[in-house]
């Protein structure tokens, strides 16, 4: 099954240049991510990944992001699935939206 999800992180503000984040994420295996930042210090990472459970694919992405950007702090996780019971938490507790 394919899952679409967005991970939102608080990161050091780098202005409008996201290229350092892009390179680090690609090196960590997140070459499938769509990266965006609408607010200074907030990074939105949009994924579409195959797996058997939303939790598993989202947690794997969280691990990759943390290895690429160790100073990143998870803000929230949005999983787009038809079954709301499949929502992910990336580690046990659901983060509050910004």
PDB file of N, CA and C in Angstrom:
ATOM      1  N   UNK A   1       0.842  -1.170   0.000  1.00  0.00           N
ATOM      2  CA  UNK A   1       0.000   0.000   0.000  1.00  0.00           C
ATOM      3  C   UNK A   1       0.894   1.243   0.000  1.00  0.00           C
ATOM      4  N   UNK A   2       0.441   2.271  -0.686  1.00  0.00           N
ATOM      5  CA  UNK A   2       1.197   3.521  -0.723  1.00  0.00           C
ATOM      6  C   UNK A   2       0.605   4.512   0.274  1.00  0.00           C
ATOM      7  N   UNK A   3       1.500   5.126   1.059  1.00  0.00           N
ATOM      8  CA  UNK A   3       1.094   6.107   2.055  1.00  0.00           C
ATOM      9  C   UNK A   3       1.684   7.460   1.716  1.00  0.00           C
ATOM     10  N   UNK A   4       0.874   8.503   1.864  1.00  0.00           N
ATOM     11  CA  UNK A   4       1.331   9.878   1.711  1.00  0.00           C
ATOM     12  C   UNK A   4       1.308  10.504   3.095  1.00  0.00           C
ATOM     13  N   UNK A   5       2.400  11.159   3.451  1.00  0.00           N
ATOM     14  CA  UNK A   5       2.454  11.781   4.765  1.00  0.00           C
ATOM     15  C   UNK A   5       3.408  12.967   4.735  1.00  0.00           C
ATOM     16  N   UNK A   6       3.182  13.874   5.675  1.00  0.00           N
ATOM     17  CA  UNK A   6       4.007  15.072   5.807  1.00  0.00           C
ATOM     18  C   UNK A   6       4.549  15.129   7.227  1.00  0.00           C
ATOM     19  N   UNK A   7       5.850  15.327   7.332  1.00  0.00           N
ATOM     20  CA  UNK A   7       6.511  15.517   8.621  1.00  0.00           C
ATOM     21  C   UNK A   7       6.899  16.981   8.716  1.00  0.00           C
ATOM     22  N   UNK A   8       6.545  17.623   9.803  1.00  0.00           N
ATOM     23  CA  UNK A   8       6.891  19.032  10.013  1.00  0.00           C
ATOM     24  C   UNK A   8       7.906  19.101  11.146  1.00  0.00           C
ATOM     25  N   UNK A   9       8.993  19.834  10.884  1.00  0.00           N
ATOM     26  CA  UNK A   9      10.084  19.952  11.850  1.00  0.00           C
ATOM     27  C   UNK A   9      10.420  21.406  12.118  1.00  0.00           C
ATOM     28  N   UNK A  10      10.863  21.665  13.343  1.00  0.00           N
ATOM     29  CA  UNK A  10      11.470  22.953  13.681  1.00  0.00           C
ATOM     30  C   UNK A  10      12.964  22.773  13.458  1.00  0.00           C
ATOM     31  N   UNK A  11      13.558  23.672  12.670  1.00  0.00           N
ATOM     32  CA  UNK A  11      14.974  23.594  12.309  1.00  0.00           C
ATOM     33  C   UNK A  11      15.612  24.973  12.436  1.00  0.00           C
ATOM     34  N   UNK A  12      16.943  25.023  12.496  1.00  0.00           N
ATOM     35  CA  UNK A  12      17.598  26.330  12.484  1.00  0.00           C
ATOM     36  C   UNK A  12      17.224  27.081  11.202  1.00  0.00           C
ATOM     37  N   UNK A  13      16.919  28.353  11.323  1.00  0.00           N
ATOM     38  CA  UNK A  13      16.527  29.153  10.161  1.00  0.00           C
ATOM     39  C   UNK A  13      17.732  29.376   9.257  1.00  0.00           C
ATOM     40  N   UNK A  14      17.584  28.971   7.998  1.00  0.00           N
ATOM     41  CA  UNK A  14      18.653  29.169   7.021  1.00  0.00           C
ATOM     42  C   UNK A  14      18.240  30.159   5.944  1.00  0.00           C
ATOM     43  N   UNK A  15      17.237  30.951   6.239  1.00  0.00           N
ATOM     44  CA  UNK A  15      16.744  31.880   5.223  1.00  0.00           C
ATOM     45  C   UNK A  15      15.945  31.110   4.193  1.00  0.00           C
ATOM     46  N   UNK A  16      16.114  31.469   2.943  1.00  0.00           N
ATOM     47  CA  UNK A  16      15.349  30.814   1.876  1.00  0.00           C
ATOM     48  C   UNK A  16      16.119  29.703   1.193  1.00  0.00           C
ATOM     49  N   UNK A  17      17.357  29.465   1.597  1.00  0.00           N
ATOM     50  CA  UNK A  17      18.181  28.448   0.951  1.00  0.00           C
ATOM     51  C   UNK A  17      18.012  27.102   1.654  1.00  0.00           C
ATOM     52  N   UNK A  18      17.302  26.198   1.012  1.00  0.00           N
ATOM     53  CA  UNK A  18      17.046  24.874   1.571  1.00  0.00           C
ATOM     54  C   UNK A  18      17.987  23.815   1.000  1.00  0.00           C
ATOM     55  N   UNK A  19      18.965  24.227   0.201  1.00  0.00           N
ATOM     56  CA  UNK A  19      19.814  23.258  -0.491  1.00  0.00           C
ATOM     57  C   UNK A  19      20.624  22.388   0.470  1.00  0.00           C
ATOM     58  N   UNK A  20      21.065  22.929   1.604  1.00  0.00           N
ATOM     59  CA  UNK A  20      21.814  22.119   2.568  1.00  0.00           C
ATOM     60  C   UNK A  20      20.923  21.018   3.134  1.00  0.00           C
ATOM     61  N   UNK A  21      19.662  21.337   3.429  1.00  0.00           N
ATOM     62  CA  UNK A  21      18.721  20.331   3.906  1.00  0.00           C
ATOM     63  C   UNK A  21      18.482  19.276   2.827  1.00  0.00           C
ATOM     64  N   UNK A  22      18.290  19.718   1.584  1.00  0.00           N
ATOM     65  CA  UNK A  22      18.035  18.791   0.472  1.00  0.00           C
ATOM     66  C   UNK A  22      19.181  17.799   0.305  1.00  0.00           C
ATOM     67  N   UNK A  23      20.409  18.297   0.330  1.00  0.00           N
ATOM     68  CA  UNK A  23      21.579  17.415   0.174  1.00  0.00           C
ATOM     69  C   UNK A  23      21.664  16.398   1.312  1.00  0.00           C
ATOM     70  N   UNK A  24      21.519  16.879   2.533  1.00  0.00           N
ATOM     71  CA  UNK A  24      21.594  15.980   3.687  1.00  0.00           C
ATOM     72  C   UNK A  24      20.504  14.928   3.673  1.00  0.00           C
ATOM     73  N   UNK A  25      19.299  15.330   3.326  1.00  0.00           N
ATOM     74  CA  UNK A  25      18.186  14.386   3.270  1.00  0.00           C
ATOM     75  C   UNK A  25      18.401  13.344   2.174  1.00  0.00           C
ATOM     76  N   UNK A  26      18.877  13.772   1.015  1.00  0.00           N
ATOM     77  CA  UNK A  26      19.144  12.823  -0.080  1.00  0.00           C
ATOM     78  C   UNK A  26      20.208  11.818   0.334  1.00  0.00           C
ATOM     79  N   UNK A  27      21.269  12.290   1.004  1.00  0.00           N
ATOM     80  CA  UNK A  27      22.331  11.390   1.460  1.00  0.00           C
ATOM     81  C   UNK A  27      21.831  10.396   2.501  1.00  0.00           C
ATOM     82  N   UNK A  28      20.796  10.764   3.261  1.00  0.00           N
ATOM     83  CA  UNK A  28      20.234   9.880   4.286  1.00  0.00           C
ATOM     84  C   UNK A  28      19.170   8.935   3.721  1.00  0.00           C
ATOM     85  N   UNK A  29      18.925   9.000   2.415  1.00  0.00           N
ATOM     86  CA  UNK A  29      17.948   8.108   1.790  1.00  0.00           C
ATOM     87  C   UNK A  29      16.600   8.739   1.527  1.00  0.00           C
ATOM     88  N   UNK A  30      16.467  10.028   1.788  1.00  0.00           N
ATOM     89  CA  UNK A  30      15.201  10.735   1.555  1.00  0.00           C
ATOM     90  C   UNK A  30      15.232  11.447   0.216  1.00  0.00           C
ATOM     91  N   UNK A  31      15.605  10.722  -0.835  1.00  0.00           N
ATOM     92  CA  UNK A  31      15.651  11.342  -2.158  1.00  0.00           C
ATOM     93  C   UNK A  31      14.262  11.406  -2.790  1.00  0.00           C
ATOM     94  N   UNK A  32      13.253  10.913  -2.073  1.00  0.00           N
ATOM     95  CA  UNK A  32      11.873  10.931  -2.553  1.00  0.00           C
ATOM     96  C   UNK A  32      11.036  12.022  -1.890  1.00  0.00           C
ATOM     97  N   UNK A  33      11.677  12.910  -1.138  1.00  0.00           N
ATOM     98  CA  UNK A  33      10.941  13.905  -0.360  1.00  0.00           C
ATOM     99  C   UNK A  33      10.709  15.186  -1.159  1.00  0.00           C
ATOM    100  N   UNK A  34       9.557  15.787  -0.941  1.00  0.00           N
ATOM    101  CA  UNK A  34       9.263  17.118  -1.452  1.00  0.00           C
ATOM    102  C   UNK A  34       9.405  18.052  -0.258  1.00  0.00           C
ATOM    103  N   UNK A  35      10.299  19.010  -0.379  1.00  0.00           N
ATOM    104  CA  UNK A  35      10.707  19.857   0.733  1.00  0.00           C
ATOM    105  C   UNK A  35      10.098  21.241   0.601  1.00  0.00           C
ATOM    106  N   UNK A  36       9.638  21.803   1.713  1.00  0.00           N
ATOM    107  CA  UNK A  36       9.094  23.150   1.673  1.00  0.00           C
ATOM    108  C   UNK A  36       9.236  23.846   3.015  1.00  0.00           C
ATOM    109  N   UNK A  37       9.222  25.162   2.971  1.00  0.00           N
ATOM    110  CA  UNK A  37       9.289  25.952   4.198  1.00  0.00           C
ATOM    111  C   UNK A  37       8.510  27.238   3.988  1.00  0.00           C
ATOM    112  N   UNK A  38       7.371  27.338   4.634  1.00  0.00           N
ATOM    113  CA  UNK A  38       6.569  28.544   4.521  1.00  0.00           C
ATOM    114  C   UNK A  38       6.833  29.524   5.650  1.00  0.00           C
ATOM    115  N   UNK A  39       7.450  29.033   6.714  1.00  0.00           N
ATOM    116  CA  UNK A  39       7.765  29.857   7.874  1.00  0.00           C
ATOM    117  C   UNK A  39       9.236  29.708   8.214  1.00  0.00           C
ATOM    118  N   UNK A  40       9.883  30.767   8.663  1.00  0.00           N
ATOM    119  CA  UNK A  40      11.285  30.649   9.065  1.00  0.00           C
ATOM    120  C   UNK A  40      11.434  29.620  10.188  1.00  0.00           C
ATOM    121  N   UNK A  41      12.375  28.716  10.021  1.00  0.00           N
ATOM    122  CA  UNK A  41      12.637  27.719  11.047  1.00  0.00           C
ATOM    123  C   UNK A  41      11.704  26.530  11.056  1.00  0.00           C
ATOM    124  N   UNK A  42      10.817  26.426  10.067  1.00  0.00           N
ATOM    125  CA  UNK A  42       9.909  25.282   9.967  1.00  0.00           C
ATOM    126  C   UNK A  42      10.125  24.616   8.618  1.00  0.00           C
ATOM    127  N   UNK A  43      10.307  23.307   8.647  1.00  0.00           N
ATOM    128  CA  UNK A  43      10.559  22.530   7.439  1.00  0.00           C
ATOM    129  C   UNK A  43       9.458  21.497   7.283  1.00  0.00           C
ATOM    130  N   UNK A  44       8.793  21.491   6.137  1.00  0.00           N
ATOM    131  CA  UNK A  44       7.754  20.510   5.830  1.00  0.00           C
ATOM    132  C   UNK A  44       8.323  19.524   4.829  1.00  0.00           C
ATOM    133  N   UNK A  45       8.188  18.243   5.134  1.00  0.00           N
ATOM    134  CA  UNK A  45       8.714  17.184   4.283  1.00  0.00           C
ATOM    135  C   UNK A  45       7.567  16.272   3.868  1.00  0.00           C
ATOM    136  N   UNK A  46       7.267  16.259   2.578  1.00  0.00           N
ATOM    137  CA  UNK A  46       6.153  15.470   2.028  1.00  0.00           C
ATOM    138  C   UNK A  46       6.699  14.195   1.396  1.00  0.00           C
ATOM    139  N   UNK A  47       6.170  13.056   1.830  1.00  0.00           N
ATOM    140  CA  UNK A  47       6.619  11.748   1.343  1.00  0.00           C
ATOM    141  C   UNK A  47       5.461  10.977   0.735  1.00  0.00           C
ATOM    142  N   UNK A  48       5.783  10.083  -0.196  1.00  0.00           N
ATOM    143  CA  UNK A  48       4.882   9.044  -0.696  1.00  0.00           C
ATOM    144  C   UNK A  48       5.709   7.781  -0.715  1.00  0.00           C
ATOM    145  N   UNK A  49       5.367   6.843   0.173  1.00  0.00           N
ATOM    146  CA  UNK A  49       6.174   5.628   0.308  1.00  0.00           C
ATOM    147  C   UNK A  49       5.297   4.396   0.397  1.00  0.00           C
ATOM    148  N   UNK A  50       5.856   3.305  -0.083  1.00  0.00           N
ATOM    149  CA  UNK A  50       5.196   2.002  -0.016  1.00  0.00           C
ATOM    150  C   UNK A  50       5.479   1.346   1.329  1.00  0.00           C
ATOM    151  N   UNK A  51       4.508   0.591   1.822  1.00  0.00           N
ATOM    152  CA  UNK A  51       4.686  -0.160   3.054  1.00  0.00           C
ATOM    153  C   UNK A  51       3.411  -0.875   3.419  1.00  0.00           C
ATOM    154  N   UNK A  52       3.454  -1.562   4.553  1.00  0.00           N
ATOM    155  CA  UNK A  52       2.271  -2.293   4.997  1.00  0.00           C
ATOM    156  C   UNK A  52       1.495  -1.542   6.073  1.00  0.00           C
ATOM    157  N   UNK A  53       2.158  -0.576   6.731  1.00  0.00           N
ATOM    158  CA  UNK A  53       1.498   0.202   7.782  1.00  0.00           C
ATOM    159  C   UNK A  53       2.026   1.630   7.764  1.00  0.00           C
ATOM    160  N   UNK A  54       1.125   2.581   7.945  1.00  0.00           N
ATOM    161  CA  UNK A  54       1.508   3.992   7.938  1.00  0.00           C
ATOM    162  C   UNK A  54       2.538   4.285   9.022  1.00  0.00           C
ATOM    163  N   UNK A  55       2.353   3.716  10.205  1.00  0.00           N
ATOM    164  CA  UNK A  55       3.307   3.928  11.294  1.00  0.00           C
ATOM    165  C   UNK A  55       4.721   3.535  10.883  1.00  0.00           C
ATOM    166  N   UNK A  56       4.839   2.384  10.251  1.00  0.00           N
ATOM    167  CA  UNK A  56       6.165   1.886   9.880  1.00  0.00           C
ATOM    168  C   UNK A  56       6.868   2.797   8.874  1.00  0.00           C
ATOM    169  N   UNK A  57       6.156   3.211   7.841  1.00  0.00           N
ATOM    170  CA  UNK A  57       6.807   4.051   6.829  1.00  0.00           C
ATOM    171  C   UNK A  57       7.118   5.444   7.367  1.00  0.00           C
ATOM    172  N   UNK A  58       6.226   5.990   8.182  1.00  0.00           N
ATOM    173  CA  UNK A  58       6.472   7.313   8.755  1.00  0.00           C
ATOM    174  C   UNK A  58       7.620   7.271   9.758  1.00  0.00           C
ATOM    175  N   UNK A  59       7.680   6.238  10.576  1.00  0.00           N
ATOM    176  CA  UNK A  59       8.786   6.118  11.541  1.00  0.00           C
ATOM    177  C   UNK A  59      10.119   5.941  10.834  1.00  0.00           C
ATOM    178  N   UNK A  60      10.142   5.159   9.765  1.00  0.00           N
ATOM    179  CA  UNK A  60      11.387   4.984   9.001  1.00  0.00           C
ATOM    180  C   UNK A  60      11.847   6.324   8.430  1.00  0.00           C
ATOM    181  N   UNK A  61      10.917   7.116   7.929  1.00  0.00           N
ATOM    182  CA  UNK A  61      11.257   8.439   7.408  1.00  0.00           C
ATOM    183  C   UNK A  61      11.767   9.338   8.533  1.00  0.00           C
ATOM    184  N   UNK A  62      11.158   9.273   9.713  1.00  0.00           N
ATOM    185  CA  UNK A  62      11.608  10.074  10.865  1.00  0.00           C
ATOM    186  C   UNK A  62      13.049   9.743  11.216  1.00  0.00           C
ATOM    187  N   UNK A  63      13.388   8.469  11.197  1.00  0.00           N
ATOM    188  CA  UNK A  63      14.760   8.047  11.508  1.00  0.00           C
ATOM    189  C   UNK A  63      15.726   8.621  10.476  1.00  0.00           C
ATOM    190  N   UNK A  64      15.354   8.556   9.204  1.00  0.00           N
ATOM    191  CA  UNK A  64      16.210   9.104   8.152  1.00  0.00           C
ATOM    192  C   UNK A  64      16.381  10.611   8.298  1.00  0.00           C
ATOM    193  N   UNK A  65      15.295  11.316   8.595  1.00  0.00           N
ATOM    194  CA  UNK A  65      15.364  12.765   8.752  1.00  0.00           C
ATOM    195  C   UNK A  65      16.274  13.115   9.930  1.00  0.00           C
ATOM    196  N   UNK A  66      16.103  12.434  11.051  1.00  0.00           N
ATOM    197  CA  UNK A  66      16.929  12.723  12.232  1.00  0.00           C
ATOM    198  C   UNK A  66      18.406  12.474  11.963  1.00  0.00           C
ATOM    199  N   UNK A  67      18.723  11.474  11.146  1.00  0.00           N
ATOM    200  CA  UNK A  67      20.134  11.230  10.831  1.00  0.00           C
ATOM    201  C   UNK A  67      20.683  12.318   9.906  1.00  0.00           C
ATOM    202  N   UNK A  68      19.829  12.867   9.067  1.00  0.00           N
ATOM    203  CA  UNK A  68      20.256  13.918   8.133  1.00  0.00           C
ATOM    204  C   UNK A  68      20.317  15.287   8.796  1.00  0.00           C
ATOM    205  N   UNK A  69      19.372  15.550   9.692  1.00  0.00           N
ATOM    206  CA  UNK A  69      19.261  16.862  10.338  1.00  0.00           C
ATOM    207  C   UNK A  69      19.087  16.628  11.844  1.00  0.00           C
ATOM    208  N   UNK A  70      20.173  16.301  12.546  1.00  0.00           N
ATOM    209  CA  UNK A  70      20.064  15.940  13.971  1.00  0.00           C
ATOM    210  C   UNK A  70      19.443  17.027  14.849  1.00  0.00           C
ATOM    211  N   UNK A  71      19.585  18.281  14.458  1.00  0.00           N
ATOM    212  CA  UNK A  71      19.030  19.366  15.267  1.00  0.00           C
ATOM    213  C   UNK A  71      17.533  19.589  15.023  1.00  0.00           C
ATOM    214  N   UNK A  72      16.937  18.873  14.077  1.00  0.00           N
ATOM    215  CA  UNK A  72      15.516  19.021  13.773  1.00  0.00           C
ATOM    216  C   UNK A  72      14.659  18.451  14.902  1.00  0.00           C
ATOM    217  N   UNK A  73      13.606  19.171  15.240  1.00  0.00           N
ATOM    218  CA  UNK A  73      12.650  18.750  16.274  1.00  0.00           C
ATOM    219  C   UNK A  73      11.290  18.545  15.620  1.00  0.00           C
ATOM    220  N   UNK A  74      10.752  17.337  15.751  1.00  0.00           N
ATOM    221  CA  UNK A  74       9.465  17.016  15.151  1.00  0.00           C
ATOM    222  C   UNK A  74       8.357  17.861  15.767  1.00  0.00           C
ATOM    223  N   UNK A  75       7.565  18.489  14.907  1.00  0.00           N
ATOM    224  CA  UNK A  75       6.436  19.312  15.357  1.00  0.00           C
ATOM    225  C   UNK A  75       5.144  18.514  15.216  1.00  0.00           C
ATOM    226  N   UNK A  76       4.926  17.960  14.025  1.00  0.00           N
ATOM    227  CA  UNK A  76       3.685  17.232  13.775  1.00  0.00           C
ATOM    228  C   UNK A  76       3.857  16.260  12.622  1.00  0.00           C
ATOM    229  N   UNK A  77       2.948  15.291  12.571  1.00  0.00           N
ATOM    230  CA  UNK A  77       2.913  14.279  11.513  1.00  0.00           C
ATOM    231  C   UNK A  77       1.502  14.279  10.939  1.00  0.00           C
ATOM    232  N   UNK A  78       1.405  14.379   9.622  1.00  0.00           N
ATOM    233  CA  UNK A  78       0.114  14.292   8.935  1.00  0.00           C
ATOM    234  C   UNK A  78       0.183  13.104   7.996  1.00  0.00           C
ATOM    235  N   UNK A  79      -0.669  12.099   8.214  1.00  0.00           N
ATOM    236  CA  UNK A  79      -0.724  10.938   7.326  1.00  0.00           C
ATOM    237  C   UNK A  79      -2.036  10.976   6.577  1.00  0.00           C
ATOM    238  N   UNK A  80      -1.956  10.924   5.248  1.00  0.00           N
ATOM    239  CA  UNK A  80      -3.147  10.937   4.406  1.00  0.00           C
ATOM    240  C   UNK A  80      -3.493   9.513   4.014  1.00  0.00           C
ATOM    241  N   UNK A  81      -4.428   8.921   4.725  1.00  0.00           N
ATOM    242  CA  UNK A  81      -4.898   7.570   4.400  1.00  0.00           C
ATOM    243  C   UNK A  81      -6.408   7.547   4.543  1.00  0.00           C
ATOM    244  N   UNK A  82      -7.025   6.585   3.909  1.00  0.00           N
ATOM    245  CA  UNK A  82      -8.482   6.492   3.994  1.00  0.00           C
ATOM    246  C   UNK A  82      -8.931   5.940   5.342  1.00  0.00           C
ATOM    247  N   UNK A  83      -8.034   5.260   6.070  1.00  0.00           N
ATOM    248  CA  UNK A  83      -8.357   4.695   7.372  1.00  0.00           C
ATOM    249  C   UNK A  83      -7.726   5.545   8.469  1.00  0.00           C
ATOM    250  N   UNK A  84      -8.496   6.374   9.185  1.00  0.00           N
ATOM    251  CA  UNK A  84      -7.925   7.244  10.208  1.00  0.00           C
ATOM    252  C   UNK A  84      -7.215   6.476  11.316  1.00  0.00           C
ATOM    253  N   UNK A  85      -7.533   5.215  11.508  1.00  0.00           N
ATOM    254  CA  UNK A  85      -6.870   4.428  12.538  1.00  0.00           C
ATOM    255  C   UNK A  85      -5.414   4.154  12.181  1.00  0.00           C
ATOM    256  N   UNK A  86      -5.024   4.420  10.948  1.00  0.00           N
ATOM    257  CA  UNK A  86      -3.655   4.185  10.508  1.00  0.00           C
ATOM    258  C   UNK A  86      -2.732   5.354  10.788  1.00  0.00           C
ATOM    259  N   UNK A  87      -3.237   6.403  11.421  1.00  0.00           N
ATOM    260  CA  UNK A  87      -2.431   7.604  11.648  1.00  0.00           C
ATOM    261  C   UNK A  87      -1.176   7.277  12.436  1.00  0.00           C
ATOM    262  N   UNK A  88      -0.089   7.934  12.063  1.00  0.00           N
ATOM    263  CA  UNK A  88       1.208   7.686  12.679  1.00  0.00           C
ATOM    264  C   UNK A  88       1.534   8.714  13.745  1.00  0.00           C
ATOM    265  N   UNK A  89       2.449   8.328  14.641  1.00  0.00           N
ATOM    266  CA  UNK A  89       2.896   9.245  15.670  1.00  0.00           C
ATOM    267  C   UNK A  89       4.407   9.416  15.678  1.00  0.00           C
ATOM    268  N   UNK A  90       5.137   8.655  14.898  1.00  0.00           N
ATOM    269  CA  UNK A  90       6.608   8.787  14.809  1.00  0.00           C
ATOM    270  C   UNK A  90       7.279   8.630  16.150  1.00  0.00           C
ATOM    271  N   UNK A  91       6.775   7.793  17.005  1.00  0.00           N
ATOM    272  CA  UNK A  91       7.516   7.566  18.223  1.00  0.00           C
ATOM    273  C   UNK A  91       6.681   7.517  19.486  1.00  0.00           C
ATOM    274  N   UNK A  92       5.401   7.466  19.387  1.00  0.00           N
ATOM    275  CA  UNK A  92       4.625   7.221  20.583  1.00  0.00           C
ATOM    276  C   UNK A  92       3.691   8.334  21.013  1.00  0.00           C
ATOM    277  N   UNK A  93       4.040   9.581  20.831  1.00  0.00           N
ATOM    278  CA  UNK A  93       3.126  10.640  21.233  1.00  0.00           C
ATOM    279  C   UNK A  93       2.891  11.592  20.072  1.00  0.00           C
ATOM    280  N   UNK A  94       1.652  11.883  19.838  1.00  0.00           N
ATOM    281  CA  UNK A  94       1.297  12.748  18.714  1.00  0.00           C
ATOM    282  C   UNK A  94       1.722  14.180  19.019  1.00  0.00           C
ATOM    283  N   UNK A  95       2.441  14.769  18.099  1.00  0.00           N
ATOM    284  CA  UNK A  95       2.905  16.154  18.276  1.00  0.00           C
ATOM    285  C   UNK A  95       1.758  17.107  18.014  1.00  0.00           C
ATOM    286  N   UNK A  96       1.785  18.237  18.679  1.00  0.00           N
ATOM    287  CA  UNK A  96       0.783  19.277  18.461  1.00  0.00           C
ATOM    288  C   UNK A  96       1.135  20.105  17.250  1.00  0.00           C
ATOM    289  N   UNK A  97       0.143  20.540  16.459  1.00  0.00           N
ATOM    290  CA  UNK A  97       0.438  21.414  15.305  1.00  0.00           C
ATOM    291  C   UNK A  97       1.025  22.743  15.744  1.00  0.00           C
ATOM    292  N   UNK A  98       1.740  23.379  14.821  1.00  0.00           N
ATOM    293  CA  UNK A  98       2.341  24.681  15.096  1.00  0.00           C
ATOM    294  C   UNK A  98       1.269  25.713  15.257  1.00  0.00           C
TER     295      UNK A  98
END
